[in-house]
Structure formats: structure tokens, C-alpha cells
Amino acid sequence: MAMRRLLKACAAVTVAASLALGLTGCYAAEKTIDYSTSSVTLAPGEALVVDFGEINRTVGDAWVITREPDPAVLGPGDERSRYLGQDGETGAPSEVSYRFTPVGEGTTVIRFEYEFRGAAPSDADDQRTAEITVTVR
């Protein structure tokens, strides 16, 4: 009786582990584009990474989402940042990107805006936006 319970427990753990491994592999593929790209097509299961290059948050640079994607097509954007300075160094730039995971097929638009110290720059020459049409099929 105890052996039968142990075997059932082991089988349940094996199934759960296999399922978890299978789900993590669903979105292993990524398509990386520059923020200046106007449109992109993704295969189901292929995540979108929008690359903003180097920005310096310590002086107030930021890219923010001003129009979220349709939640039936893409999940919310997950901001990624990789600090380029040395440990303990202050003021170095970071590489910044946003990652979006597909949820279903369709077309949606994502819009971003460059901000300096929490607002769009007042000088028109410094204002930047990005609008990307994303199709998942």
C-alpha cells in the first residue's frame, strides 16, 4: 500500500516537472527589433523584444509605454535593463528593451515615448516616439 502511494507521488512529480519544462519552452524563441521598426510579424510562441539601445537613467532618460498592446494578442511589456557600468560605478548607461509574449493571433499596436526626468522633452528636437504594429499569426 505504501509503495503504491510512493509510486503515484513519483508519477505526479514527473508529470508536473514535464509540464513545467514544456511550458517554459513555449516562448524560448524571440524576435528582437529596433524601436524604430514600424511593423513586425511573429509566429505563435515567438516573443517580441523591442530594443532601445543605451539610455542613461541616472540623468533621467527613459522609454515608457504610452499605448499598451491588445491583451488578446500580446501580454504586457516586461522591461529589461542591463547596467553597462562597473560594480560600484554611478552614472553609466544601461541597455534597455521591452519583451512582449504572444497571447493569441491578431494585430495590435504598441506606442512608446522617450521621457527625460519624467516628462516628454519640451524641445521638439529631443522628442521621440515609437509606434510598432505587431501581427501574430
N, C-alpha and C. Protein backbone atom coordinates (compact mmCIF):
# COMPACT_ATOMS: atom_id res chain seq x y z
N MET A 1 0.82 -1.19 0.00
CA MET A 1 0.00 0.00 0.00
C MET A 1 0.87 1.26 0.00
N ALA A 2 1.88 1.29 0.87
CA ALA A 2 2.77 2.46 0.95
C ALA A 2 3.56 2.60 -0.35
N MET A 3 3.97 1.48 -0.92
CA MET A 3 4.72 1.50 -2.18
C MET A 3 3.87 2.08 -3.30
N ARG A 4 2.58 1.72 -3.33
CA ARG A 4 1.67 2.22 -4.36
C ARG A 4 1.53 3.75 -4.24
N ARG A 5 1.41 4.26 -3.02
CA ARG A 5 1.32 5.72 -2.81
C ARG A 5 2.60 6.42 -3.25
N LEU A 6 3.72 5.80 -2.94
CA LEU A 6 5.01 6.37 -3.33
C LEU A 6 5.12 6.43 -4.85
N LEU A 7 4.71 5.37 -5.53
CA LEU A 7 4.76 5.35 -6.99
C LEU A 7 3.83 6.41 -7.60
N LYS A 8 2.64 6.58 -7.02
CA LYS A 8 1.71 7.60 -7.50
C LYS A 8 2.30 9.00 -7.30
N ALA A 9 2.92 9.22 -6.16
CA ALA A 9 3.53 10.52 -5.87
C ALA A 9 4.66 10.81 -6.85
N CYS A 10 5.49 9.81 -7.10
CA CYS A 10 6.59 9.98 -8.06
C CYS A 10 6.08 10.27 -9.46
N ALA A 11 5.02 9.57 -9.86
CA ALA A 11 4.43 9.80 -11.18
C ALA A 11 3.88 11.22 -11.28
N ALA A 12 3.23 11.69 -10.21
CA ALA A 12 2.67 13.05 -10.22
C ALA A 12 3.78 14.09 -10.34
N VAL A 13 4.88 13.89 -9.63
CA VAL A 13 6.01 14.82 -9.70
C VAL A 13 6.62 14.80 -11.10
N THR A 14 6.75 13.65 -11.70
CA THR A 14 7.31 13.53 -13.04
C THR A 14 6.43 14.25 -14.06
N VAL A 15 5.12 14.08 -13.97
CA VAL A 15 4.19 14.75 -14.88
C VAL A 15 4.27 16.25 -14.69
N ALA A 16 4.28 16.72 -13.46
CA ALA A 16 4.34 18.16 -13.18
C ALA A 16 5.64 18.75 -13.71
N ALA A 17 6.75 18.07 -13.51
CA ALA A 17 8.04 18.56 -13.99
C ALA A 17 8.07 18.61 -15.51
N SER A 18 7.54 17.59 -16.16
CA SER A 18 7.50 17.56 -17.62
C SER A 18 6.64 18.70 -18.16
N LEU A 19 5.52 18.93 -17.52
CA LEU A 19 4.64 20.02 -17.95
C LEU A 19 5.33 21.36 -17.77
N ALA A 20 6.00 21.56 -16.65
CA ALA A 20 6.70 22.83 -16.40
C ALA A 20 7.80 23.05 -17.43
N LEU A 21 8.56 22.01 -17.75
CA LEU A 21 9.60 22.15 -18.76
C LEU A 21 9.00 22.46 -20.12
N GLY A 22 7.90 21.83 -20.45
CA GLY A 22 7.25 22.09 -21.73
C GLY A 22 6.74 23.50 -21.83
N LEU A 23 6.16 24.03 -20.75
CA LEU A 23 5.63 25.39 -20.78
C LEU A 23 6.73 26.42 -20.87
N THR A 24 7.86 26.20 -20.20
CA THR A 24 8.93 27.19 -20.27
C THR A 24 9.54 27.22 -21.66
N GLY A 25 9.45 26.14 -22.40
CA GLY A 25 10.00 26.11 -23.74
C GLY A 25 9.09 26.74 -24.77
N CYS A 26 7.83 27.03 -24.42
CA CYS A 26 6.88 27.57 -25.38
C CYS A 26 7.29 28.92 -25.93
N TYR A 27 7.96 29.73 -25.10
CA TYR A 27 8.31 31.07 -25.53
C TYR A 27 9.82 31.28 -25.55
N ALA A 28 10.55 30.24 -25.90
CA ALA A 28 12.00 30.34 -25.94
C ALA A 28 12.47 31.18 -27.12
N ALA A 29 11.71 31.18 -28.23
CA ALA A 29 12.11 31.94 -29.42
C ALA A 29 11.77 33.41 -29.21
N GLU A 30 12.70 34.27 -29.61
CA GLU A 30 12.49 35.71 -29.52
C GLU A 30 12.87 36.37 -30.84
N LYS A 31 12.12 37.38 -31.19
CA LYS A 31 12.46 38.21 -32.34
C LYS A 31 12.78 39.59 -31.80
N THR A 32 14.02 40.04 -31.98
CA THR A 32 14.46 41.34 -31.49
C THR A 32 14.45 42.34 -32.63
N ILE A 33 13.82 43.50 -32.36
CA ILE A 33 13.76 44.57 -33.35
C ILE A 33 14.20 45.88 -32.69
N ASP A 34 14.66 46.81 -33.50
CA ASP A 34 14.98 48.15 -33.04
C ASP A 34 13.68 48.93 -32.85
N TYR A 35 13.67 49.85 -31.90
CA TYR A 35 12.44 50.61 -31.62
C TYR A 35 11.95 51.43 -32.81
N SER A 36 12.81 51.68 -33.78
CA SER A 36 12.41 52.46 -34.96
C SER A 36 11.68 51.61 -36.01
N THR A 37 11.58 50.30 -35.80
CA THR A 37 10.86 49.41 -36.70
C THR A 37 9.37 49.73 -36.62
N SER A 38 8.71 49.85 -37.77
CA SER A 38 7.29 50.24 -37.75
C SER A 38 6.33 49.05 -37.68
N SER A 39 6.75 47.87 -38.15
CA SER A 39 5.86 46.71 -38.08
C SER A 39 6.68 45.42 -38.04
N VAL A 40 6.06 44.40 -37.44
CA VAL A 40 6.73 43.12 -37.30
C VAL A 40 5.66 42.03 -37.25
N THR A 41 6.02 40.85 -37.78
CA THR A 41 5.14 39.68 -37.71
C THR A 41 5.83 38.60 -36.90
N LEU A 42 5.07 38.05 -35.96
CA LEU A 42 5.59 37.00 -35.09
C LEU A 42 4.86 35.69 -35.37
N ALA A 43 5.57 34.61 -35.22
CA ALA A 43 4.95 33.29 -35.24
C ALA A 43 4.37 33.04 -33.86
N PRO A 44 3.32 32.23 -33.76
CA PRO A 44 2.81 31.90 -32.42
C PRO A 44 3.94 31.32 -31.57
N GLY A 45 4.05 31.77 -30.35
CA GLY A 45 5.11 31.30 -29.46
C GLY A 45 6.41 32.07 -29.57
N GLU A 46 6.50 33.02 -30.49
CA GLU A 46 7.71 33.81 -30.67
C GLU A 46 7.53 35.16 -29.97
N ALA A 47 8.32 35.41 -28.93
CA ALA A 47 8.21 36.65 -28.17
C ALA A 47 8.86 37.80 -28.93
N LEU A 48 8.36 39.00 -28.68
CA LEU A 48 8.90 40.21 -29.29
C LEU A 48 9.76 40.95 -28.27
N VAL A 49 10.97 41.34 -28.69
CA VAL A 49 11.84 42.17 -27.88
C VAL A 49 12.09 43.45 -28.65
N VAL A 50 11.72 44.59 -28.05
CA VAL A 50 11.94 45.90 -28.66
C VAL A 50 13.17 46.50 -27.99
N ASP A 51 14.21 46.73 -28.78
CA ASP A 51 15.50 47.20 -28.28
C ASP A 51 15.60 48.72 -28.39
N PHE A 52 15.87 49.38 -27.27
CA PHE A 52 16.02 50.83 -27.23
C PHE A 52 17.48 51.25 -27.14
N GLY A 53 18.39 50.30 -27.15
CA GLY A 53 19.80 50.63 -27.09
C GLY A 53 20.20 51.15 -25.72
N GLU A 54 21.20 52.03 -25.71
CA GLU A 54 21.72 52.57 -24.45
C GLU A 54 20.96 53.82 -24.04
N ILE A 55 20.54 53.84 -22.79
CA ILE A 55 19.99 55.06 -22.20
C ILE A 55 20.60 55.21 -20.82
N ASN A 56 20.57 56.43 -20.29
CA ASN A 56 21.18 56.68 -19.00
C ASN A 56 20.12 57.15 -18.02
N ARG A 57 19.65 56.23 -17.20
CA ARG A 57 18.61 56.55 -16.21
C ARG A 57 19.10 57.52 -15.15
N THR A 58 20.40 57.52 -14.89
CA THR A 58 20.91 58.39 -13.83
C THR A 58 20.78 59.87 -14.18
N VAL A 59 20.64 60.19 -15.45
CA VAL A 59 20.41 61.59 -15.83
C VAL A 59 18.94 61.85 -16.11
N GLY A 60 18.12 60.78 -16.10
CA GLY A 60 16.67 60.94 -16.27
C GLY A 60 16.11 60.40 -17.56
N ASP A 61 16.91 59.71 -18.37
CA ASP A 61 16.42 59.12 -19.62
C ASP A 61 15.51 57.93 -19.35
N ALA A 62 14.46 57.79 -20.14
CA ALA A 62 13.57 56.62 -20.03
C ALA A 62 12.72 56.50 -21.29
N TRP A 63 12.34 55.28 -21.61
CA TRP A 63 11.34 54.99 -22.64
C TRP A 63 10.16 54.36 -21.90
N VAL A 64 8.96 54.89 -22.13
CA VAL A 64 7.77 54.37 -21.46
C VAL A 64 6.72 53.96 -22.49
N ILE A 65 5.90 53.00 -22.11
CA ILE A 65 4.80 52.57 -22.98
C ILE A 65 3.66 53.57 -22.81
N THR A 66 3.21 54.16 -23.91
CA THR A 66 2.08 55.09 -23.85
C THR A 66 0.81 54.48 -24.43
N ARG A 67 0.95 53.36 -25.13
CA ARG A 67 -0.21 52.60 -25.62
C ARG A 67 0.12 51.12 -25.46
N GLU A 68 -0.58 50.50 -24.54
CA GLU A 68 -0.39 49.07 -24.29
C GLU A 68 -0.92 48.26 -25.46
N PRO A 69 -0.34 47.09 -25.73
CA PRO A 69 -0.87 46.23 -26.78
C PRO A 69 -2.22 45.64 -26.39
N ASP A 70 -2.98 45.19 -27.39
CA ASP A 70 -4.25 44.49 -27.14
C ASP A 70 -3.93 43.23 -26.34
N PRO A 71 -4.51 43.08 -25.14
CA PRO A 71 -4.19 41.93 -24.29
C PRO A 71 -4.62 40.58 -24.88
N ALA A 72 -5.43 40.59 -25.93
CA ALA A 72 -5.81 39.34 -26.59
C ALA A 72 -4.72 38.89 -27.57
N VAL A 73 -3.76 39.79 -27.88
CA VAL A 73 -2.69 39.47 -28.83
C VAL A 73 -1.34 39.35 -28.14
N LEU A 74 -1.00 40.33 -27.30
CA LEU A 74 0.29 40.33 -26.59
C LEU A 74 0.07 40.59 -25.10
N GLY A 75 0.91 39.95 -24.31
CA GLY A 75 0.89 40.24 -22.88
C GLY A 75 1.54 41.58 -22.61
N PRO A 76 1.51 42.04 -21.36
CA PRO A 76 2.11 43.33 -21.03
C PRO A 76 3.63 43.31 -21.24
N GLY A 77 4.18 44.46 -21.51
CA GLY A 77 5.62 44.56 -21.73
C GLY A 77 6.41 44.38 -20.44
N ASP A 78 7.46 43.60 -20.53
CA ASP A 78 8.35 43.36 -19.40
C ASP A 78 9.65 44.11 -19.71
N GLU A 79 9.92 45.19 -18.97
CA GLU A 79 11.13 45.97 -19.23
C GLU A 79 12.36 45.22 -18.75
N ARG A 80 13.39 45.23 -19.59
CA ARG A 80 14.66 44.60 -19.26
C ARG A 80 15.74 45.67 -19.30
N SER A 81 16.69 45.56 -18.40
CA SER A 81 17.76 46.54 -18.35
C SER A 81 19.05 45.84 -17.95
N ARG A 82 20.13 46.19 -18.64
CA ARG A 82 21.45 45.63 -18.29
C ARG A 82 22.41 46.80 -18.09
N TYR A 83 22.84 46.98 -16.85
CA TYR A 83 23.74 48.08 -16.50
C TYR A 83 25.09 47.87 -17.15
N LEU A 84 25.62 48.92 -17.78
CA LEU A 84 26.88 48.81 -18.51
C LEU A 84 28.09 49.30 -17.73
N GLY A 85 27.85 49.85 -16.54
CA GLY A 85 28.96 50.35 -15.72
C GLY A 85 29.61 49.25 -14.92
N GLN A 86 30.69 49.60 -14.26
CA GLN A 86 31.40 48.68 -13.37
C GLN A 86 30.67 48.61 -12.04
N ASP A 87 30.87 47.55 -11.29
CA ASP A 87 30.28 47.44 -9.94
C ASP A 87 30.70 48.64 -9.11
N GLY A 88 29.72 49.27 -8.48
CA GLY A 88 30.00 50.43 -7.64
C GLY A 88 30.06 51.75 -8.38
N GLU A 89 30.10 51.70 -9.69
CA GLU A 89 30.15 52.92 -10.51
C GLU A 89 28.76 53.53 -10.60
N THR A 90 28.68 54.83 -10.55
CA THR A 90 27.41 55.53 -10.67
C THR A 90 27.42 56.36 -11.94
N GLY A 91 26.30 56.35 -12.67
CA GLY A 91 26.17 57.24 -13.81
C GLY A 91 26.39 56.61 -15.17
N ALA A 92 26.61 55.34 -15.24
CA ALA A 92 26.82 54.69 -16.54
C ALA A 92 25.47 54.37 -17.18
N PRO A 93 25.45 54.25 -18.49
CA PRO A 93 24.20 53.90 -19.18
C PRO A 93 23.85 52.43 -19.01
N SER A 94 22.64 52.10 -19.45
CA SER A 94 22.15 50.73 -19.45
C SER A 94 21.60 50.41 -20.83
N GLU A 95 21.60 49.14 -21.19
CA GLU A 95 20.89 48.69 -22.39
C GLU A 95 19.47 48.38 -21.96
N VAL A 96 18.50 48.93 -22.67
CA VAL A 96 17.10 48.78 -22.28
C VAL A 96 16.30 48.17 -23.41
N SER A 97 15.41 47.25 -23.05
CA SER A 97 14.49 46.66 -24.02
C SER A 97 13.20 46.30 -23.31
N TYR A 98 12.16 46.07 -24.08
CA TYR A 98 10.88 45.57 -23.57
C TYR A 98 10.60 44.24 -24.25
N ARG A 99 10.10 43.27 -23.51
CA ARG A 99 9.76 41.95 -24.06
C ARG A 99 8.26 41.74 -23.92
N PHE A 100 7.63 41.31 -25.01
CA PHE A 100 6.20 41.03 -25.06
C PHE A 100 6.00 39.59 -25.47
N THR A 101 5.16 38.88 -24.74
CA THR A 101 4.87 37.48 -25.02
C THR A 101 3.53 37.39 -25.75
N PRO A 102 3.46 36.64 -26.86
CA PRO A 102 2.19 36.50 -27.56
C PRO A 102 1.17 35.72 -26.73
N VAL A 103 -0.09 36.15 -26.86
CA VAL A 103 -1.19 35.51 -26.15
C VAL A 103 -2.13 34.82 -27.14
N GLY A 104 -2.31 35.46 -28.29
CA GLY A 104 -3.19 34.91 -29.32
C GLY A 104 -2.86 35.55 -30.66
N GLU A 105 -3.54 35.09 -31.70
CA GLU A 105 -3.30 35.64 -33.03
C GLU A 105 -4.05 36.96 -33.20
N GLY A 106 -3.53 37.81 -34.08
CA GLY A 106 -4.16 39.09 -34.36
C GLY A 106 -3.13 40.17 -34.58
N THR A 107 -3.61 41.41 -34.66
CA THR A 107 -2.75 42.57 -34.88
C THR A 107 -3.03 43.60 -33.80
N THR A 108 -1.97 44.22 -33.31
CA THR A 108 -2.08 45.24 -32.27
C THR A 108 -0.99 46.29 -32.48
N VAL A 109 -1.13 47.40 -31.79
CA VAL A 109 -0.15 48.49 -31.88
C VAL A 109 0.39 48.77 -30.48
N ILE A 110 1.71 48.97 -30.41
CA ILE A 110 2.36 49.38 -29.17
C ILE A 110 2.98 50.76 -29.44
N ARG A 111 2.82 51.68 -28.52
CA ARG A 111 3.40 53.01 -28.68
C ARG A 111 4.28 53.32 -27.46
N PHE A 112 5.45 53.90 -27.74
CA PHE A 112 6.40 54.29 -26.71
C PHE A 112 6.72 55.77 -26.86
N GLU A 113 7.18 56.37 -25.76
CA GLU A 113 7.61 57.76 -25.79
C GLU A 113 8.88 57.90 -24.96
N TYR A 114 9.80 58.68 -25.48
CA TYR A 114 11.01 59.00 -24.74
C TYR A 114 10.68 60.07 -23.71
N GLU A 115 11.15 59.86 -22.48
CA GLU A 115 10.96 60.86 -21.43
C GLU A 115 12.31 61.24 -20.84
N PHE A 116 12.40 62.50 -20.44
CA PHE A 116 13.57 62.99 -19.74
C PHE A 116 13.09 63.55 -18.41
N ARG A 117 13.56 62.94 -17.34
CA ARG A 117 13.17 63.32 -15.97
C ARG A 117 11.66 63.32 -15.79
N GLY A 118 11.01 62.26 -16.33
CA GLY A 118 9.59 62.02 -16.07
C GLY A 118 8.61 62.69 -17.01
N ALA A 119 9.09 63.38 -18.04
CA ALA A 119 8.18 64.04 -18.98
C ALA A 119 8.81 64.07 -20.37
N ALA A 120 7.96 64.26 -21.36
CA ALA A 120 8.47 64.42 -22.73
C ALA A 120 9.29 65.71 -22.77
N PRO A 121 10.44 65.71 -23.45
CA PRO A 121 11.25 66.92 -23.53
C PRO A 121 10.45 68.07 -24.15
N SER A 122 10.69 69.27 -23.67
CA SER A 122 9.97 70.44 -24.21
C SER A 122 10.50 70.84 -25.58
N ASP A 123 11.77 70.58 -25.84
CA ASP A 123 12.36 70.90 -27.14
C ASP A 123 11.93 69.85 -28.17
N ALA A 124 11.30 70.29 -29.24
CA ALA A 124 10.79 69.37 -30.27
C ALA A 124 11.89 68.49 -30.86
N ASP A 125 13.11 68.99 -30.92
CA ASP A 125 14.23 68.20 -31.47
C ASP A 125 14.58 66.99 -30.59
N ASP A 126 14.22 67.07 -29.30
CA ASP A 126 14.54 65.99 -28.37
C ASP A 126 13.38 65.02 -28.17
N GLN A 127 12.22 65.32 -28.73
CA GLN A 127 11.05 64.46 -28.57
C GLN A 127 11.15 63.27 -29.52
N ARG A 128 10.93 62.07 -28.97
CA ARG A 128 10.97 60.85 -29.79
C ARG A 128 9.84 59.93 -29.38
N THR A 129 9.23 59.31 -30.37
CA THR A 129 8.20 58.30 -30.12
C THR A 129 8.49 57.10 -31.00
N ALA A 130 7.88 56.00 -30.67
CA ALA A 130 7.98 54.79 -31.47
C ALA A 130 6.61 54.14 -31.49
N GLU A 131 6.15 53.75 -32.66
CA GLU A 131 4.89 53.05 -32.81
C GLU A 131 5.13 51.82 -33.66
N ILE A 132 4.80 50.67 -33.10
CA ILE A 132 5.07 49.39 -33.76
C ILE A 132 3.78 48.60 -33.90
N THR A 133 3.45 48.23 -35.13
CA THR A 133 2.31 47.36 -35.40
C THR A 133 2.82 45.93 -35.35
N VAL A 134 2.18 45.13 -34.50
CA VAL A 134 2.62 43.74 -34.29
C VAL A 134 1.50 42.80 -34.74
N THR A 135 1.86 41.87 -35.61
CA THR A 135 0.93 40.84 -36.06
C THR A 135 1.44 39.48 -35.59
N VAL A 136 0.57 38.73 -34.94
CA VAL A 136 0.90 37.36 -34.54
C VAL A 136 0.06 36.43 -35.37
N ARG A 137 0.72 35.56 -36.13
CA ARG A 137 -0.01 34.57 -36.95
C ARG A 137 0.75 33.29 -37.11
